[in-house]
Amino acid sequence: MPMIDVYATAGTFADKHRLAADLAAAVMAVEQVPDIPMFRQNTAAFVHELPAGDLSNVDGGSNYVRVQVLTNAGALDRG
Protein backbone atom coordinates (compact mmCIF):
# COMPACT_ATOMS: atom_id res chain seq x y z
CA MET A 1 0.00 0.00 0.00
CA PRO A 2 1.18 3.55 -0.62
CA MET A 3 2.86 5.49 2.15
CA ILE A 4 4.33 8.96 2.52
CA ASP A 5 7.07 9.97 4.95
CA VAL A 6 7.68 13.65 5.73
CA TYR A 7 10.80 14.74 7.57
CA ALA A 8 11.16 18.27 8.99
CA THR A 9 12.57 20.15 11.96
CA ALA A 10 10.30 20.08 15.03
CA GLY A 11 7.73 22.88 14.97
CA THR A 12 7.53 23.13 11.18
CA PHE A 13 3.90 21.96 11.07
CA ALA A 14 1.20 23.20 13.41
CA ASP A 15 -1.10 20.19 13.02
CA LYS A 16 0.89 17.06 12.20
CA HIS A 17 -2.10 14.74 12.46
CA ARG A 18 -4.13 16.77 9.95
CA LEU A 19 -1.12 16.91 7.62
CA ALA A 20 -0.68 13.14 7.80
CA ALA A 21 -4.37 12.49 7.11
CA ASP A 22 -4.42 14.96 4.19
CA LEU A 23 -1.28 13.46 2.64
CA ALA A 24 -2.63 9.92 2.95
CA ALA A 25 -5.87 10.99 1.27
CA ALA A 26 -3.94 12.78 -1.49
CA VAL A 27 -1.81 9.77 -2.37
CA MET A 28 -4.90 7.58 -2.37
CA ALA A 29 -6.61 9.98 -4.79
CA VAL A 30 -3.55 10.25 -7.06
CA GLU A 31 -3.23 6.47 -7.20
CA GLN A 32 -6.92 6.32 -8.14
CA VAL A 33 -7.62 3.40 -5.82
CA PRO A 34 -11.20 2.57 -4.82
CA ASP A 35 -12.46 4.37 -1.72
CA ILE A 36 -13.00 1.18 0.27
CA PRO A 37 -11.92 0.24 3.82
CA MET A 38 -9.02 -1.95 2.67
CA PHE A 39 -7.30 1.00 0.96
CA ARG A 40 -8.38 3.61 3.53
CA GLN A 41 -6.89 1.53 6.36
CA ASN A 42 -3.64 0.72 4.54
CA THR A 43 -2.70 4.04 2.96
CA ALA A 44 -0.70 6.09 5.45
CA ALA A 45 1.50 9.11 5.98
CA PHE A 46 4.13 9.56 8.68
CA VAL A 47 5.40 12.92 9.93
CA HIS A 48 8.89 12.65 11.42
CA GLU A 49 10.04 15.59 13.54
CA LEU A 50 13.77 16.06 13.79
CA PRO A 51 15.37 17.97 16.67
CA ALA A 52 16.94 21.33 15.83
CA GLY A 53 20.38 20.72 14.39
CA ASP A 54 19.56 17.31 12.90
CA LEU A 55 18.89 18.75 9.44
CA SER A 56 21.27 20.96 7.46
CA ASN A 57 22.58 21.94 4.08
CA VAL A 58 26.30 22.69 3.55
CA ASP A 59 25.83 26.33 4.62
CA GLY A 60 23.99 25.37 7.82
CA GLY A 61 20.45 26.12 6.63
CA SER A 62 17.78 23.87 8.06
CA ASN A 63 14.53 25.12 6.52
CA TYR A 64 13.96 21.99 4.46
CA VAL A 65 11.20 19.41 4.28
CA ARG A 66 11.87 15.97 2.82
CA VAL A 67 8.93 14.05 1.35
CA GLN A 68 9.37 10.41 0.43
CA VAL A 69 6.59 8.49 -1.34
CA LEU A 70 6.55 4.69 -1.32
CA THR A 71 4.22 3.22 -3.91
CA ASN A 72 4.16 0.60 -6.62
CA ALA A 73 6.00 1.28 -9.89
CA GLY A 74 4.04 3.48 -12.28
CA ALA A 75 1.29 4.38 -9.82
CA LEU A 76 2.02 8.09 -9.90
CA ASP A 77 2.34 8.18 -13.72
CA ARG A 78 -1.34 7.75 -14.46
CA GLY A 79 -2.88 10.48 -16.61
C-alpha atoms as a PDB file:
ATOM      1  CA  MET A   1       0.000   0.000   0.000  1.00  0.00           C
ATOM      2  CA  PRO A   2       1.180   3.555  -0.623  1.00  0.00           C
ATOM      3  CA  MET A   3       2.861   5.487   2.152  1.00  0.00           C
ATOM      4  CA  ILE A   4       4.328   8.957   2.517  1.00  0.00           C
ATOM      5  CA  ASP A   5       7.068   9.969   4.952  1.00  0.00           C
ATOM      6  CA  VAL A   6       7.679  13.648   5.726  1.00  0.00           C
ATOM      7  CA  TYR A   7      10.803  14.745   7.572  1.00  0.00           C
ATOM      8  CA  ALA A   8      11.156  18.268   8.991  1.00  0.00           C
ATOM      9  CA  THR A   9      12.569  20.154  11.964  1.00  0.00           C
ATOM     10  CA  ALA A  10      10.301  20.080  15.027  1.00  0.00           C
ATOM     11  CA  GLY A  11       7.733  22.876  14.970  1.00  0.00           C
ATOM     12  CA  THR A  12       7.533  23.127  11.178  1.00  0.00           C
ATOM     13  CA  PHE A  13       3.904  21.964  11.066  1.00  0.00           C
ATOM     14  CA  ALA A  14       1.198  23.202  13.414  1.00  0.00           C
ATOM     15  CA  ASP A  15      -1.101  20.191  13.025  1.00  0.00           C
ATOM     16  CA  LYS A  16       0.893  17.062  12.202  1.00  0.00           C
ATOM     17  CA  HIS A  17      -2.102  14.736  12.462  1.00  0.00           C
ATOM     18  CA  ARG A  18      -4.134  16.772   9.953  1.00  0.00           C
ATOM     19  CA  LEU A  19      -1.120  16.914   7.618  1.00  0.00           C
ATOM     20  CA  ALA A  20      -0.683  13.136   7.797  1.00  0.00           C
ATOM     21  CA  ALA A  21      -4.371  12.486   7.106  1.00  0.00           C
ATOM     22  CA  ASP A  22      -4.415  14.964   4.195  1.00  0.00           C
ATOM     23  CA  LEU A  23      -1.282  13.458   2.637  1.00  0.00           C
ATOM     24  CA  ALA A  24      -2.630   9.922   2.948  1.00  0.00           C
ATOM     25  CA  ALA A  25      -5.870  10.994   1.272  1.00  0.00           C
ATOM     26  CA  ALA A  26      -3.938  12.778  -1.485  1.00  0.00           C
ATOM     27  CA  VAL A  27      -1.809   9.765  -2.372  1.00  0.00           C
ATOM     28  CA  MET A  28      -4.901   7.584  -2.373  1.00  0.00           C
ATOM     29  CA  ALA A  29      -6.606   9.981  -4.793  1.00  0.00           C
ATOM     30  CA  VAL A  30      -3.548  10.247  -7.055  1.00  0.00           C
ATOM     31  CA  GLU A  31      -3.235   6.471  -7.201  1.00  0.00           C
ATOM     32  CA  GLN A  32      -6.924   6.315  -8.135  1.00  0.00           C
ATOM     33  CA  VAL A  33      -7.625   3.404  -5.818  1.00  0.00           C
ATOM     34  CA  PRO A  34     -11.199   2.572  -4.819  1.00  0.00           C
ATOM     35  CA  ASP A  35     -12.462   4.375  -1.716  1.00  0.00           C
ATOM     36  CA  ILE A  36     -12.996   1.177   0.266  1.00  0.00           C
ATOM     37  CA  PRO A  37     -11.924   0.241   3.817  1.00  0.00           C
ATOM     38  CA  MET A  38      -9.017  -1.953   2.667  1.00  0.00           C
ATOM     39  CA  PHE A  39      -7.302   1.000   0.960  1.00  0.00           C
ATOM     40  CA  ARG A  40      -8.379   3.613   3.530  1.00  0.00           C
ATOM     41  CA  GLN A  41      -6.891   1.526   6.355  1.00  0.00           C
ATOM     42  CA  ASN A  42      -3.638   0.718   4.541  1.00  0.00           C
ATOM     43  CA  THR A  43      -2.703   4.043   2.957  1.00  0.00           C
ATOM     44  CA  ALA A  44      -0.704   6.087   5.447  1.00  0.00           C
ATOM     45  CA  ALA A  45       1.497   9.115   5.985  1.00  0.00           C
ATOM     46  CA  PHE A  46       4.126   9.557   8.681  1.00  0.00           C
ATOM     47  CA  VAL A  47       5.397  12.919   9.933  1.00  0.00           C
ATOM     48  CA  HIS A  48       8.888  12.652  11.421  1.00  0.00           C
ATOM     49  CA  GLU A  49      10.037  15.589  13.541  1.00  0.00           C
ATOM     50  CA  LEU A  50      13.773  16.062  13.794  1.00  0.00           C
ATOM     51  CA  PRO A  51      15.371  17.970  16.666  1.00  0.00           C
ATOM     52  CA  ALA A  52      16.938  21.335  15.835  1.00  0.00           C
ATOM     53  CA  GLY A  53      20.381  20.724  14.391  1.00  0.00           C
ATOM     54  CA  ASP A  54      19.558  17.312  12.899  1.00  0.00           C
ATOM     55  CA  LEU A  55      18.894  18.751   9.436  1.00  0.00           C
ATOM     56  CA  SER A  56      21.265  20.958   7.458  1.00  0.00           C
ATOM     57  CA  ASN A  57      22.581  21.945   4.077  1.00  0.00           C
ATOM     58  CA  VAL A  58      26.295  22.694   3.545  1.00  0.00           C
ATOM     59  CA  ASP A  59      25.830  26.328   4.623  1.00  0.00           C
ATOM     60  CA  GLY A  60      23.993  25.371   7.817  1.00  0.00           C
ATOM     61  CA  GLY A  61      20.448  26.119   6.628  1.00  0.00           C
ATOM     62  CA  SER A  62      17.779  23.865   8.061  1.00  0.00           C
ATOM     63  CA  ASN A  63      14.531  25.123   6.525  1.00  0.00           C
ATOM     64  CA  TYR A  64      13.957  21.993   4.462  1.00  0.00           C
ATOM     65  CA  VAL A  65      11.203  19.413   4.279  1.00  0.00           C
ATOM     66  CA  ARG A  66      11.868  15.972   2.820  1.00  0.00           C
ATOM     67  CA  VAL A  67       8.926  14.050   1.350  1.00  0.00           C
ATOM     68  CA  GLN A  68       9.373  10.411   0.429  1.00  0.00           C
ATOM     69  CA  VAL A  69       6.587   8.485  -1.337  1.00  0.00           C
ATOM     70  CA  LEU A  70       6.553   4.689  -1.324  1.00  0.00           C
ATOM     71  CA  THR A  71       4.216   3.217  -3.914  1.00  0.00           C
ATOM     72  CA  ASN A  72       4.165   0.603  -6.616  1.00  0.00           C
ATOM     73  CA  ALA A  73       6.004   1.282  -9.888  1.00  0.00           C
ATOM     74  CA  GLY A  74       4.038   3.483 -12.281  1.00  0.00           C
ATOM     75  CA  ALA A  75       1.287   4.379  -9.817  1.00  0.00           C
ATOM     76  CA  LEU A  76       2.021   8.091  -9.902  1.00  0.00           C
ATOM     77  CA  ASP A  77       2.342   8.178 -13.715  1.00  0.00           C
ATOM     78  CA  ARG A  78      -1.339   7.753 -14.456  1.00  0.00           C
ATOM     79  CA  GLY A  79      -2.883  10.475 -16.606  1.00  0.00           C
END
